[in-house]
């Protein structure tokens, strides 16, 4: 248990018995008495995001998540299936628990599956992934002096902006935290 004033974005806390990740934190100081901490949090089981207020001196329970390296096998639109790389045990996670991370996983990629009280609740993809461009506009040579980015769709359905020299069939490195293009591979 830690005071609400020590909670920071990125921390995992327990609210109403369920794990939540802190997305934003605002401190509101009042003229008299204790201030209030407003946290924007996302439920790691349901994916719902909302704001919750705490008094500055209120204690908040931190969640302990266990991370296990697993290999992504496949998905059937309802569940995503993973295999423990050490024990070869297979588990399934509902699609809604994967959320936006679905854009960063392809078969055989290694990810960290997060467990809360021995139940899988989500995944952490690698910081960077390499994905193939399946759709983009053709390059127009000598169209402009400055490099302008163009839209592209990757093999997982992710839509990003890429430089003009990237074409269909090229592989690109993506930053999973922001979904931004890094480089052509």
N, C-alpha and C. Protein backbone atom coordinates (compact mmCIF):
# COMPACT_ATOMS: atom_id res chain seq x y z
N UNK A 1 0.84 -1.18 0.00
CA UNK A 1 0.00 0.00 0.00
C UNK A 1 0.89 1.24 0.00
N UNK A 2 0.59 2.17 -0.89
CA UNK A 2 1.35 3.41 -0.97
C UNK A 2 0.37 4.58 -0.94
N UNK A 3 0.85 5.76 -0.51
CA UNK A 3 -0.04 6.94 -0.53
C UNK A 3 -0.38 7.32 -1.97
N UNK A 4 -1.55 7.89 -2.18
CA UNK A 4 -2.00 8.30 -3.51
C UNK A 4 -1.03 9.28 -4.16
N UNK A 5 -0.31 10.06 -3.35
CA UNK A 5 0.64 11.04 -3.90
C UNK A 5 1.83 10.38 -4.58
N UNK A 6 2.10 9.10 -4.29
CA UNK A 6 3.24 8.40 -4.87
C UNK A 6 2.89 7.59 -6.12
N UNK A 7 1.62 7.57 -6.49
CA UNK A 7 1.20 6.83 -7.69
C UNK A 7 1.62 7.62 -8.92
N UNK A 8 2.20 6.90 -9.90
CA UNK A 8 2.69 7.53 -11.12
C UNK A 8 2.14 6.81 -12.34
N UNK A 9 2.05 7.49 -13.50
CA UNK A 9 1.60 6.81 -14.72
C UNK A 9 2.47 5.60 -15.03
N UNK A 10 1.82 4.53 -15.48
CA UNK A 10 2.53 3.30 -15.79
C UNK A 10 2.48 2.28 -14.67
N UNK A 11 2.15 2.73 -13.44
CA UNK A 11 2.05 1.80 -12.31
C UNK A 11 0.79 0.97 -12.43
N UNK A 12 0.82 -0.19 -11.82
CA UNK A 12 -0.33 -1.08 -11.79
C UNK A 12 -0.88 -1.08 -10.37
N UNK A 13 -2.16 -0.75 -10.22
CA UNK A 13 -2.78 -0.67 -8.90
C UNK A 13 -4.03 -1.55 -8.86
N UNK A 14 -4.50 -1.85 -7.65
CA UNK A 14 -5.71 -2.64 -7.48
C UNK A 14 -6.83 -1.69 -7.04
N UNK A 15 -7.92 -1.67 -7.82
CA UNK A 15 -9.10 -0.87 -7.50
C UNK A 15 -10.29 -1.82 -7.56
N UNK A 16 -11.05 -1.88 -6.49
CA UNK A 16 -12.22 -2.78 -6.39
C UNK A 16 -11.84 -4.23 -6.69
N UNK A 17 -10.65 -4.64 -6.25
CA UNK A 17 -10.22 -6.02 -6.40
C UNK A 17 -9.71 -6.41 -7.77
N UNK A 18 -9.61 -5.44 -8.69
CA UNK A 18 -9.14 -5.75 -10.04
C UNK A 18 -7.93 -4.89 -10.40
N UNK A 19 -7.02 -5.42 -11.24
CA UNK A 19 -5.82 -4.67 -11.60
C UNK A 19 -6.14 -3.57 -12.62
N UNK A 20 -5.52 -2.42 -12.42
CA UNK A 20 -5.67 -1.27 -13.32
C UNK A 20 -4.30 -0.67 -13.58
N UNK A 21 -4.11 -0.15 -14.79
CA UNK A 21 -2.87 0.56 -15.11
C UNK A 21 -3.18 2.05 -15.06
N UNK A 22 -2.26 2.82 -14.48
CA UNK A 22 -2.45 4.27 -14.36
C UNK A 22 -1.99 4.91 -15.67
N UNK A 23 -2.91 5.63 -16.33
CA UNK A 23 -2.60 6.30 -17.59
C UNK A 23 -2.17 7.75 -17.37
N UNK A 24 -2.88 8.45 -16.49
CA UNK A 24 -2.57 9.86 -16.19
C UNK A 24 -2.78 10.11 -14.70
N UNK A 25 -2.12 11.16 -14.20
CA UNK A 25 -2.25 11.53 -12.79
C UNK A 25 -2.29 13.05 -12.69
N UNK A 26 -3.27 13.58 -11.95
CA UNK A 26 -3.36 15.02 -11.71
C UNK A 26 -3.53 15.24 -10.22
N UNK A 27 -2.81 16.20 -9.69
CA UNK A 27 -2.93 16.54 -8.27
C UNK A 27 -3.66 17.87 -8.16
N UNK A 28 -4.72 17.90 -7.37
CA UNK A 28 -5.50 19.12 -7.17
C UNK A 28 -5.33 19.53 -5.72
N UNK A 29 -4.64 20.64 -5.51
CA UNK A 29 -4.41 21.14 -4.15
C UNK A 29 -5.58 22.04 -3.75
N UNK A 30 -6.13 21.77 -2.60
CA UNK A 30 -7.23 22.57 -2.09
C UNK A 30 -6.69 23.60 -1.11
N UNK A 31 -7.45 24.68 -0.90
CA UNK A 31 -7.02 25.74 0.01
C UNK A 31 -6.85 25.24 1.43
N UNK A 32 -7.75 24.43 1.89
CA UNK A 32 -7.68 23.87 3.23
C UNK A 32 -7.80 22.36 3.15
N UNK A 33 -7.22 21.71 4.10
CA UNK A 33 -7.33 20.25 4.16
C UNK A 33 -6.42 19.57 3.15
N UNK A 34 -6.70 18.32 2.93
CA UNK A 34 -5.86 17.55 2.01
C UNK A 34 -6.29 17.77 0.57
N UNK A 35 -5.35 17.59 -0.34
CA UNK A 35 -5.64 17.71 -1.76
C UNK A 35 -6.25 16.42 -2.28
N UNK A 36 -6.52 16.41 -3.58
CA UNK A 36 -7.07 15.22 -4.21
C UNK A 36 -6.19 14.83 -5.39
N UNK A 37 -6.13 13.53 -5.61
CA UNK A 37 -5.39 12.98 -6.74
C UNK A 37 -6.42 12.38 -7.69
N UNK A 38 -6.41 12.83 -8.94
CA UNK A 38 -7.30 12.26 -9.94
C UNK A 38 -6.46 11.38 -10.85
N UNK A 39 -6.84 10.10 -10.94
CA UNK A 39 -6.12 9.15 -11.77
C UNK A 39 -7.00 8.72 -12.92
N UNK A 40 -6.43 8.72 -14.12
CA UNK A 40 -7.11 8.09 -15.25
C UNK A 40 -6.52 6.69 -15.32
N UNK A 41 -7.37 5.68 -15.16
CA UNK A 41 -6.90 4.30 -15.09
C UNK A 41 -7.65 3.42 -16.09
N UNK A 42 -7.00 2.31 -16.48
CA UNK A 42 -7.62 1.35 -17.39
C UNK A 42 -7.63 -0.02 -16.72
N UNK A 43 -8.80 -0.64 -16.69
CA UNK A 43 -8.95 -1.97 -16.12
C UNK A 43 -8.23 -2.95 -17.04
N UNK A 44 -7.29 -3.73 -16.49
CA UNK A 44 -6.51 -4.65 -17.30
C UNK A 44 -7.31 -5.88 -17.71
N UNK A 45 -8.42 -6.15 -17.05
CA UNK A 45 -9.24 -7.31 -17.43
C UNK A 45 -10.26 -6.94 -18.50
N UNK A 46 -10.90 -5.79 -18.34
CA UNK A 46 -11.98 -5.42 -19.27
C UNK A 46 -11.54 -4.41 -20.33
N UNK A 47 -10.46 -3.67 -20.08
CA UNK A 47 -10.00 -2.65 -21.02
C UNK A 47 -10.69 -1.31 -20.86
N UNK A 48 -11.67 -1.21 -19.94
CA UNK A 48 -12.39 0.04 -19.72
C UNK A 48 -11.48 1.07 -19.06
N UNK A 49 -11.53 2.31 -19.54
CA UNK A 49 -10.75 3.40 -18.95
C UNK A 49 -11.71 4.40 -18.31
N UNK A 50 -11.32 4.92 -17.15
CA UNK A 50 -12.14 5.90 -16.45
C UNK A 50 -11.27 6.67 -15.46
N UNK A 51 -11.85 7.73 -14.89
CA UNK A 51 -11.14 8.52 -13.88
C UNK A 51 -11.65 8.17 -12.50
N UNK A 52 -10.74 8.19 -11.53
CA UNK A 52 -11.11 7.91 -10.14
C UNK A 52 -10.34 8.90 -9.27
N UNK A 53 -11.02 9.44 -8.25
CA UNK A 53 -10.39 10.41 -7.34
C UNK A 53 -10.05 9.76 -6.02
N UNK A 54 -8.91 10.18 -5.48
CA UNK A 54 -8.45 9.71 -4.18
C UNK A 54 -8.01 10.93 -3.37
N UNK A 55 -8.14 10.87 -2.05
CA UNK A 55 -7.57 11.90 -1.20
C UNK A 55 -6.07 11.70 -1.17
N UNK A 56 -5.31 12.78 -1.00
CA UNK A 56 -3.84 12.70 -1.02
C UNK A 56 -3.29 11.73 0.01
N UNK A 57 -3.92 11.62 1.17
CA UNK A 57 -3.40 10.75 2.22
C UNK A 57 -3.99 9.33 2.17
N UNK A 58 -4.82 9.06 1.16
CA UNK A 58 -5.44 7.73 1.02
C UNK A 58 -4.39 6.72 0.54
N UNK A 59 -4.49 5.49 1.05
CA UNK A 59 -3.56 4.43 0.66
C UNK A 59 -4.13 3.63 -0.51
N UNK A 60 -3.26 3.30 -1.47
CA UNK A 60 -3.66 2.55 -2.66
C UNK A 60 -2.82 1.29 -2.74
N UNK A 61 -3.48 0.18 -3.04
CA UNK A 61 -2.78 -1.10 -3.15
C UNK A 61 -2.14 -1.23 -4.53
N UNK A 62 -0.86 -1.59 -4.56
CA UNK A 62 -0.19 -1.82 -5.84
C UNK A 62 -0.42 -3.28 -6.25
N UNK A 63 -0.61 -3.50 -7.55
CA UNK A 63 -0.85 -4.85 -8.06
C UNK A 63 0.46 -5.51 -8.41
N UNK A 64 0.55 -6.79 -8.12
CA UNK A 64 1.73 -7.56 -8.48
C UNK A 64 1.37 -8.40 -9.70
N UNK A 65 2.01 -8.08 -10.83
CA UNK A 65 1.79 -8.83 -12.05
C UNK A 65 2.99 -9.72 -12.30
N UNK A 66 2.72 -10.94 -12.68
CA UNK A 66 3.79 -11.85 -13.06
C UNK A 66 3.86 -11.84 -14.58
N UNK A 67 5.06 -11.70 -15.13
CA UNK A 67 5.23 -11.71 -16.57
C UNK A 67 5.96 -12.99 -16.98
N UNK A 68 5.40 -13.69 -17.95
CA UNK A 68 5.98 -14.94 -18.43
C UNK A 68 6.19 -14.81 -19.94
N UNK A 69 7.41 -15.12 -20.40
CA UNK A 69 7.68 -15.06 -21.83
C UNK A 69 6.96 -16.21 -22.53
N UNK A 70 6.21 -15.86 -23.56
CA UNK A 70 5.46 -16.85 -24.33
C UNK A 70 5.55 -16.52 -25.80
N UNK A 71 5.26 -17.53 -26.61
CA UNK A 71 5.27 -17.36 -28.06
C UNK A 71 3.83 -17.32 -28.55
N UNK A 72 3.53 -16.32 -29.39
CA UNK A 72 2.19 -16.22 -29.96
C UNK A 72 2.05 -17.27 -31.05
N UNK A 73 0.97 -18.07 -30.98
CA UNK A 73 0.75 -19.13 -31.96
C UNK A 73 -0.23 -18.70 -33.06
N UNK A 74 -1.46 -18.37 -32.67
CA UNK A 74 -2.48 -17.97 -33.64
C UNK A 74 -3.67 -17.37 -32.91
N UNK A 75 -4.63 -16.84 -33.69
CA UNK A 75 -5.88 -16.36 -33.10
C UNK A 75 -7.04 -16.84 -33.96
N UNK A 76 -8.21 -16.95 -33.33
CA UNK A 76 -9.40 -17.39 -34.07
C UNK A 76 -10.51 -16.33 -33.98
N UNK A 77 -10.12 -15.07 -33.86
CA UNK A 77 -11.00 -13.91 -33.72
C UNK A 77 -11.68 -13.81 -32.35
N UNK A 78 -11.79 -14.92 -31.62
CA UNK A 78 -12.37 -14.87 -30.28
C UNK A 78 -11.29 -14.94 -29.21
N UNK A 79 -10.25 -15.76 -29.47
CA UNK A 79 -9.15 -15.94 -28.53
C UNK A 79 -7.81 -15.85 -29.24
N UNK A 80 -6.80 -15.45 -28.49
CA UNK A 80 -5.41 -15.49 -28.94
C UNK A 80 -4.72 -16.61 -28.16
N UNK A 81 -3.93 -17.42 -28.84
CA UNK A 81 -3.31 -18.58 -28.21
C UNK A 81 -1.81 -18.39 -28.11
N UNK A 82 -1.27 -18.69 -26.93
CA UNK A 82 0.15 -18.52 -26.63
C UNK A 82 0.71 -19.80 -26.03
N UNK A 83 2.04 -20.00 -26.22
CA UNK A 83 2.70 -21.17 -25.66
C UNK A 83 3.88 -20.71 -24.80
N UNK A 84 3.96 -21.26 -23.58
CA UNK A 84 5.08 -20.99 -22.69
C UNK A 84 6.33 -21.57 -23.34
N UNK A 85 7.39 -20.76 -23.48
CA UNK A 85 8.59 -21.21 -24.18
C UNK A 85 9.43 -22.19 -23.37
N UNK A 86 9.15 -22.31 -22.08
CA UNK A 86 9.91 -23.26 -21.25
C UNK A 86 9.15 -24.56 -21.01
N UNK A 87 7.84 -24.46 -20.70
CA UNK A 87 7.07 -25.66 -20.35
C UNK A 87 6.22 -26.17 -21.51
N UNK A 88 6.10 -25.41 -22.58
CA UNK A 88 5.28 -25.73 -23.76
C UNK A 88 3.78 -25.78 -23.44
N UNK A 89 3.39 -25.28 -22.28
CA UNK A 89 1.98 -25.19 -21.90
C UNK A 89 1.32 -24.11 -22.76
N UNK A 90 0.10 -24.37 -23.23
CA UNK A 90 -0.61 -23.41 -24.06
C UNK A 90 -1.77 -22.78 -23.28
N UNK A 91 -1.96 -21.48 -23.51
CA UNK A 91 -3.06 -20.76 -22.88
C UNK A 91 -3.80 -19.94 -23.93
N UNK A 92 -5.00 -19.53 -23.62
CA UNK A 92 -5.75 -18.64 -24.51
C UNK A 92 -6.15 -17.39 -23.73
N UNK A 93 -6.17 -16.27 -24.45
CA UNK A 93 -6.56 -14.99 -23.86
C UNK A 93 -7.65 -14.40 -24.75
N UNK A 94 -8.76 -13.93 -24.17
CA UNK A 94 -9.82 -13.33 -25.00
C UNK A 94 -9.30 -12.15 -25.82
N UNK A 95 -9.84 -11.99 -27.02
CA UNK A 95 -9.41 -10.93 -27.93
C UNK A 95 -9.51 -9.55 -27.31
N UNK A 96 -10.57 -9.28 -26.53
CA UNK A 96 -10.72 -7.95 -25.95
C UNK A 96 -9.64 -7.65 -24.92
N UNK A 97 -9.03 -8.67 -24.31
CA UNK A 97 -7.94 -8.43 -23.36
C UNK A 97 -6.63 -8.08 -24.08
N UNK A 98 -6.50 -8.47 -25.33
CA UNK A 98 -5.31 -8.15 -26.13
C UNK A 98 -5.36 -6.69 -26.56
N UNK A 99 -6.55 -6.22 -26.92
CA UNK A 99 -6.73 -4.81 -27.28
C UNK A 99 -5.90 -4.38 -28.47
N UNK A 100 -5.31 -3.17 -28.37
CA UNK A 100 -4.51 -2.59 -29.45
C UNK A 100 -3.21 -3.35 -29.70
N UNK A 101 -2.79 -4.17 -28.75
CA UNK A 101 -1.55 -4.94 -28.94
C UNK A 101 -1.68 -5.95 -30.07
N UNK A 102 -2.90 -6.21 -30.54
CA UNK A 102 -3.09 -7.17 -31.64
C UNK A 102 -2.37 -6.72 -32.91
N UNK A 103 -2.16 -5.42 -33.03
CA UNK A 103 -1.48 -4.90 -34.22
C UNK A 103 0.03 -5.17 -34.23
N UNK A 104 0.57 -5.62 -33.12
CA UNK A 104 2.02 -5.78 -33.00
C UNK A 104 2.46 -7.22 -32.84
N UNK A 105 1.53 -8.17 -33.00
CA UNK A 105 1.93 -9.57 -32.85
C UNK A 105 1.62 -10.36 -34.12
N UNK A 106 2.56 -11.20 -34.48
CA UNK A 106 2.43 -12.11 -35.61
C UNK A 106 2.83 -13.49 -35.12
N UNK A 107 2.41 -14.55 -35.81
CA UNK A 107 2.76 -15.90 -35.34
C UNK A 107 4.27 -16.05 -35.08
N UNK A 108 4.59 -16.74 -34.01
CA UNK A 108 5.95 -17.07 -33.57
C UNK A 108 6.70 -15.92 -32.90
N UNK A 109 6.06 -14.77 -32.71
CA UNK A 109 6.73 -13.67 -32.01
C UNK A 109 6.67 -13.93 -30.51
N UNK A 110 7.73 -13.55 -29.82
CA UNK A 110 7.77 -13.73 -28.37
C UNK A 110 7.25 -12.46 -27.69
N UNK A 111 6.36 -12.66 -26.72
CA UNK A 111 5.77 -11.56 -25.95
C UNK A 111 5.80 -11.94 -24.48
N UNK A 112 5.52 -10.98 -23.62
CA UNK A 112 5.35 -11.27 -22.20
C UNK A 112 3.86 -11.26 -21.89
N UNK A 113 3.36 -12.39 -21.39
CA UNK A 113 1.97 -12.48 -20.97
C UNK A 113 1.91 -12.09 -19.50
N UNK A 114 1.00 -11.17 -19.17
CA UNK A 114 0.87 -10.69 -17.80
C UNK A 114 -0.20 -11.49 -17.07
N UNK A 115 0.16 -11.98 -15.88
CA UNK A 115 -0.75 -12.75 -15.06
C UNK A 115 -1.06 -11.98 -13.78
N UNK A 116 -2.33 -11.98 -13.37
CA UNK A 116 -2.76 -11.42 -12.10
C UNK A 116 -3.50 -12.54 -11.38
N UNK A 117 -2.98 -12.94 -10.23
CA UNK A 117 -3.55 -14.05 -9.46
C UNK A 117 -3.67 -15.30 -10.32
N UNK A 118 -2.62 -15.67 -11.02
CA UNK A 118 -2.49 -16.84 -11.88
C UNK A 118 -3.44 -16.85 -13.09
N UNK A 119 -4.04 -15.72 -13.43
CA UNK A 119 -4.92 -15.65 -14.59
C UNK A 119 -4.30 -14.69 -15.61
N UNK A 120 -4.22 -15.11 -16.89
CA UNK A 120 -3.67 -14.19 -17.91
C UNK A 120 -4.63 -13.03 -18.14
N UNK A 121 -4.09 -11.80 -18.12
CA UNK A 121 -4.96 -10.63 -18.30
C UNK A 121 -4.54 -9.75 -19.46
N UNK A 122 -3.37 -9.98 -20.03
CA UNK A 122 -2.93 -9.16 -21.15
C UNK A 122 -1.53 -9.53 -21.58
N UNK A 123 -1.02 -8.77 -22.55
CA UNK A 123 0.33 -9.04 -23.05
C UNK A 123 1.13 -7.75 -23.16
N UNK A 124 2.44 -7.92 -23.20
CA UNK A 124 3.37 -6.83 -23.48
C UNK A 124 4.16 -7.23 -24.71
N UNK A 125 3.92 -6.57 -25.85
CA UNK A 125 4.70 -6.91 -27.04
C UNK A 125 6.12 -6.37 -26.92
N UNK A 126 7.04 -6.80 -27.80
CA UNK A 126 8.38 -6.22 -27.77
C UNK A 126 8.31 -4.71 -28.04
N UNK A 127 9.35 -3.98 -27.69
CA UNK A 127 9.35 -2.52 -27.90
C UNK A 127 9.29 -2.15 -29.38
N UNK A 128 9.87 -3.00 -30.23
CA UNK A 128 9.86 -2.77 -31.68
C UNK A 128 9.52 -4.07 -32.39
N UNK A 129 8.77 -3.97 -33.49
CA UNK A 129 8.45 -5.14 -34.31
C UNK A 129 8.66 -4.81 -35.78
N UNK A 130 8.88 -5.85 -36.58
CA UNK A 130 9.04 -5.71 -38.02
C UNK A 130 7.80 -6.29 -38.68
N UNK A 131 7.12 -5.48 -39.48
CA UNK A 131 5.88 -5.89 -40.15
C UNK A 131 5.97 -5.56 -41.64
N UNK A 132 5.22 -6.31 -42.44
CA UNK A 132 5.22 -6.11 -43.89
C UNK A 132 4.12 -5.13 -44.30
N UNK A 133 4.44 -4.27 -45.26
CA UNK A 133 3.47 -3.33 -45.82
C UNK A 133 2.63 -4.09 -46.84
N UNK A 134 1.30 -4.11 -46.66
CA UNK A 134 0.43 -4.81 -47.60
C UNK A 134 -0.34 -3.86 -48.51
N UNK A 135 -0.36 -2.59 -48.14
CA UNK A 135 -1.08 -1.62 -48.97
C UNK A 135 -0.51 -0.23 -48.74
N UNK A 136 -0.19 0.46 -49.83
CA UNK A 136 0.26 1.85 -49.76
C UNK A 136 0.16 2.47 -51.15
N UNK A 137 0.19 3.78 -51.21
CA UNK A 137 0.13 4.47 -52.49
C UNK A 137 1.47 4.32 -53.20
N UNK A 138 1.46 4.26 -54.53
CA UNK A 138 2.74 4.17 -55.24
C UNK A 138 3.53 5.48 -55.10
N UNK A 139 4.83 5.35 -55.23
CA UNK A 139 5.71 6.52 -55.13
C UNK A 139 5.65 7.31 -56.43
N UNK A 140 5.54 8.62 -56.30
CA UNK A 140 5.57 9.49 -57.47
C UNK A 140 6.92 10.17 -57.47
N UNK A 141 7.74 9.84 -58.46
CA UNK A 141 9.10 10.39 -58.49
C UNK A 141 9.08 11.88 -58.80
N UNK A 142 9.93 12.61 -58.11
CA UNK A 142 10.12 14.05 -58.30
C UNK A 142 8.85 14.85 -58.08
N UNK A 143 7.95 14.36 -57.23
CA UNK A 143 6.69 15.06 -56.99
C UNK A 143 6.88 16.27 -56.10
N UNK A 144 7.80 16.21 -55.18
CA UNK A 144 8.00 17.33 -54.26
C UNK A 144 9.44 17.33 -53.77
N UNK A 145 9.89 18.46 -53.36
CA UNK A 145 11.27 18.56 -52.87
C UNK A 145 11.38 18.05 -51.43
N UNK A 146 10.31 18.17 -50.68
CA UNK A 146 10.37 17.72 -49.29
C UNK A 146 9.71 16.35 -49.15
N UNK A 147 10.22 15.57 -48.24
CA UNK A 147 9.67 14.23 -48.02
C UNK A 147 8.35 14.33 -47.28
N UNK A 148 7.30 13.82 -47.87
CA UNK A 148 5.99 13.80 -47.22
C UNK A 148 5.61 12.36 -47.00
N UNK A 149 5.06 12.10 -45.83
CA UNK A 149 4.68 10.74 -45.49
C UNK A 149 3.36 10.39 -46.17
N UNK A 150 3.16 9.08 -46.41
CA UNK A 150 1.93 8.59 -47.04
C UNK A 150 1.34 7.48 -46.17
N UNK A 151 0.03 7.24 -46.27
CA UNK A 151 -0.58 6.19 -45.45
C UNK A 151 -0.19 4.80 -45.94
N UNK A 152 -0.12 3.85 -45.00
CA UNK A 152 0.18 2.46 -45.33
C UNK A 152 -0.58 1.56 -44.37
N UNK A 153 -0.92 0.37 -44.86
CA UNK A 153 -1.57 -0.64 -44.04
C UNK A 153 -0.59 -1.81 -43.92
N UNK A 154 -0.37 -2.26 -42.69
CA UNK A 154 0.57 -3.36 -42.44
C UNK A 154 -0.16 -4.69 -42.36
N UNK A 155 0.59 -5.79 -42.34
CA UNK A 155 0.02 -7.14 -42.37
C UNK A 155 -0.95 -7.43 -41.23
N UNK A 156 -0.84 -6.73 -40.12
CA UNK A 156 -1.73 -6.96 -38.99
C UNK A 156 -2.96 -6.05 -39.01
N UNK A 157 -3.04 -5.15 -40.01
CA UNK A 157 -4.16 -4.22 -40.10
C UNK A 157 -3.84 -2.84 -39.55
N UNK A 158 -2.65 -2.68 -38.97
CA UNK A 158 -2.24 -1.38 -38.42
C UNK A 158 -2.07 -0.37 -39.55
N UNK A 159 -2.63 0.83 -39.36
CA UNK A 159 -2.49 1.91 -40.34
C UNK A 159 -1.51 2.93 -39.79
N UNK A 160 -0.46 3.21 -40.57
CA UNK A 160 0.57 4.16 -40.15
C UNK A 160 0.94 5.07 -41.31
N UNK A 161 1.81 6.03 -41.01
CA UNK A 161 2.36 6.92 -42.04
C UNK A 161 3.81 6.49 -42.30
N UNK A 162 4.16 6.35 -43.58
CA UNK A 162 5.51 5.92 -43.96
C UNK A 162 6.10 6.92 -44.96
N UNK A 163 7.44 6.94 -45.08
CA UNK A 163 8.07 7.82 -46.07
C UNK A 163 7.73 7.37 -47.49
N UNK A 164 7.93 8.25 -48.48
CA UNK A 164 7.55 7.93 -49.86
C UNK A 164 8.31 6.74 -50.47
N UNK A 165 9.50 6.44 -49.98
CA UNK A 165 10.29 5.35 -50.57
C UNK A 165 9.84 3.96 -50.14
N UNK A 166 8.89 3.86 -49.21
CA UNK A 166 8.39 2.56 -48.75
C UNK A 166 7.27 2.12 -49.69
N UNK A 167 7.35 0.86 -50.17
CA UNK A 167 6.38 0.32 -51.11
C UNK A 167 5.73 -0.95 -50.57
N UNK A 168 4.69 -1.39 -51.27
CA UNK A 168 4.01 -2.64 -50.91
C UNK A 168 5.03 -3.78 -50.95
N UNK A 169 5.00 -4.64 -49.91
CA UNK A 169 5.93 -5.76 -49.84
C UNK A 169 7.16 -5.47 -49.01
N UNK A 170 7.45 -4.19 -48.74
CA UNK A 170 8.60 -3.83 -47.89
C UNK A 170 8.30 -4.17 -46.44
N UNK A 171 9.35 -4.40 -45.69
CA UNK A 171 9.21 -4.62 -44.24
C UNK A 171 9.69 -3.36 -43.53
N UNK A 172 8.93 -2.97 -42.49
CA UNK A 172 9.26 -1.76 -41.74
C UNK A 172 9.29 -2.07 -40.26
N UNK A 173 10.14 -1.34 -39.54
CA UNK A 173 10.25 -1.48 -38.08
C UNK A 173 9.32 -0.44 -37.46
N UNK A 174 8.51 -0.88 -36.49
CA UNK A 174 7.51 -0.04 -35.83
C UNK A 174 7.77 0.00 -34.33
N UNK A 175 7.60 1.17 -33.72
CA UNK A 175 7.69 1.32 -32.26
C UNK A 175 6.31 0.97 -31.69
N UNK A 176 6.24 -0.06 -30.84
CA UNK A 176 4.94 -0.54 -30.36
C UNK A 176 4.29 0.39 -29.33
N UNK A 177 5.07 1.20 -28.65
CA UNK A 177 4.49 2.11 -27.65
C UNK A 177 3.66 3.20 -28.30
N UNK A 178 4.08 3.64 -29.51
CA UNK A 178 3.41 4.75 -30.17
C UNK A 178 2.81 4.38 -31.52
N UNK A 179 3.20 3.25 -32.09
CA UNK A 179 2.73 2.85 -33.42
C UNK A 179 3.39 3.63 -34.53
N UNK A 180 4.56 4.22 -34.27
CA UNK A 180 5.24 5.04 -35.26
C UNK A 180 6.26 4.25 -36.08
N UNK A 181 6.42 4.67 -37.32
CA UNK A 181 7.42 4.13 -38.22
C UNK A 181 8.82 4.50 -37.71
N UNK A 182 9.75 3.54 -37.73
CA UNK A 182 11.14 3.82 -37.34
C UNK A 182 12.03 3.79 -38.57
N UNK A 183 11.99 2.65 -39.29
CA UNK A 183 12.86 2.51 -40.46
C UNK A 183 12.39 1.39 -41.37
N UNK A 184 12.88 1.42 -42.59
CA UNK A 184 12.65 0.33 -43.53
C UNK A 184 13.71 -0.74 -43.25
N UNK A 185 13.31 -2.00 -43.27
CA UNK A 185 14.25 -3.09 -42.95
C UNK A 185 14.67 -3.79 -44.22
